[in-house]
Structures are given as C-alpha cells and as structure tokens.
Amino acid sequence: MFGLGASVYDWNDPFGRLSLQTLAMVAEFEANIHRILHSGQADDHRDQSS
C-alpha cells in the first residue's frame, strides 16, 4: 500500500494498477520528449517538415 496525503492506495487492486500504468505512460512520454529534444533530432524533424 502507498499513502499519499490522507488516502491509501493498494497497488494490487484495479485502480492501483491503472494508476501505476498511467504514471509509467507519462514517464515514458517525458523520457521520449527529452531524448528527442536533446539528441538533435528535433532540428532534423523541423528541417524535414518545412
């Protein structure tokens, strides 16, 4: 179980698993954005679209 403020979430129930999956999705999205912006691919992508 994980306590956040006054609420306690059980990661083994469906809502807890959904919460973890959502957090993982957001983290993966942010990691991809960071990778694209800091690897120079953003400039390449910008050049191809114009």
C-alpha atoms as a PDB file:
ATOM      1  CA  MET A   1       0.000   0.000   0.000  1.00  0.00           C
ATOM      2  CA  PHE A   2       1.058   3.542  -0.621  1.00  0.00           C
ATOM      3  CA  GLY A   3      -0.110   6.562   1.338  1.00  0.00           C
ATOM      4  CA  LEU A   4      -0.493   9.847  -0.486  1.00  0.00           C
ATOM      5  CA  GLY A   5      -1.803  12.549   1.791  1.00  0.00           C
ATOM      6  CA  ALA A   6      -4.789  11.146   3.654  1.00  0.00           C
ATOM      7  CA  SER A   7      -5.560   8.470   1.033  1.00  0.00           C
ATOM      8  CA  VAL A   8      -4.101   4.979   0.912  1.00  0.00           C
ATOM      9  CA  TYR A   9      -3.873   3.161  -2.405  1.00  0.00           C
ATOM     10  CA  ASP A  10      -3.489  -0.570  -2.824  1.00  0.00           C
ATOM     11  CA  TRP A  11      -1.369  -1.203  -5.924  1.00  0.00           C
ATOM     12  CA  ASN A  12      -2.885  -4.685  -6.291  1.00  0.00           C
ATOM     13  CA  ASP A  13      -6.454  -3.577  -6.979  1.00  0.00           C
ATOM     14  CA  PRO A  14      -7.601  -2.463 -10.463  1.00  0.00           C
ATOM     15  CA  PHE A  15      -7.496   1.259  -9.654  1.00  0.00           C
ATOM     16  CA  GLY A  16      -3.995   0.954  -8.213  1.00  0.00           C
ATOM     17  CA  ARG A  17      -2.742  -0.885 -11.309  1.00  0.00           C
ATOM     18  CA  LEU A  18      -4.371   1.750 -13.535  1.00  0.00           C
ATOM     19  CA  SER A  19      -2.633   4.483 -11.538  1.00  0.00           C
ATOM     20  CA  LEU A  20       0.753   2.809 -11.909  1.00  0.00           C
ATOM     21  CA  GLN A  21       0.243   2.254 -15.634  1.00  0.00           C
ATOM     22  CA  THR A  22      -0.720   5.918 -16.079  1.00  0.00           C
ATOM     23  CA  LEU A  23       2.363   7.090 -14.189  1.00  0.00           C
ATOM     24  CA  ALA A  24       4.537   4.789 -16.294  1.00  0.00           C
ATOM     25  CA  MET A  25       2.965   6.107 -19.502  1.00  0.00           C
ATOM     26  CA  VAL A  26       3.620   9.725 -18.523  1.00  0.00           C
ATOM     27  CA  ALA A  27       7.198   8.928 -17.506  1.00  0.00           C
ATOM     28  CA  GLU A  28       7.874   7.166 -20.815  1.00  0.00           C
ATOM     29  CA  PHE A  29       6.368  10.074 -22.764  1.00  0.00           C
ATOM     30  CA  GLU A  30       8.548  12.580 -20.903  1.00  0.00           C
ATOM     31  CA  ALA A  31      11.646  10.436 -21.457  1.00  0.00           C
ATOM     32  CA  ASN A  32      10.925  10.288 -25.193  1.00  0.00           C
ATOM     33  CA  ILE A  33      10.433  14.057 -25.399  1.00  0.00           C
ATOM     34  CA  HIS A  34      13.685  14.596 -23.505  1.00  0.00           C
ATOM     35  CA  ARG A  35      15.525  12.176 -25.802  1.00  0.00           C
ATOM     36  CA  ILE A  36      14.212  13.862 -28.953  1.00  0.00           C
ATOM     37  CA  LEU A  37      14.918  17.403 -27.788  1.00  0.00           C
ATOM     38  CA  HIS A  38      18.417  16.686 -26.517  1.00  0.00           C
ATOM     39  CA  SER A  39      19.676  14.423 -29.285  1.00  0.00           C
ATOM     40  CA  GLY A  40      19.370  16.888 -32.144  1.00  0.00           C
ATOM     41  CA  GLN A  41      16.504  15.001 -33.751  1.00  0.00           C
ATOM     42  CA  ALA A  42      14.201  17.953 -33.128  1.00  0.00           C
ATOM     43  CA  ASP A  43      16.257  20.028 -35.579  1.00  0.00           C
ATOM     44  CA  ASP A  44      16.213  17.227 -38.142  1.00  0.00           C
ATOM     45  CA  HIS A  45      12.453  16.826 -37.770  1.00  0.00           C
ATOM     46  CA  ARG A  46      11.906  20.582 -38.079  1.00  0.00           C
ATOM     47  CA  ASP A  47      14.010  20.699 -41.296  1.00  0.00           C
ATOM     48  CA  GLN A  48      12.072  17.830 -42.893  1.00  0.00           C
ATOM     49  CA  SER A  49       8.632  19.313 -42.204  1.00  0.00           C
ATOM     50  CA  SER A  50       9.341  22.689 -43.870  1.00  0.00           C
END
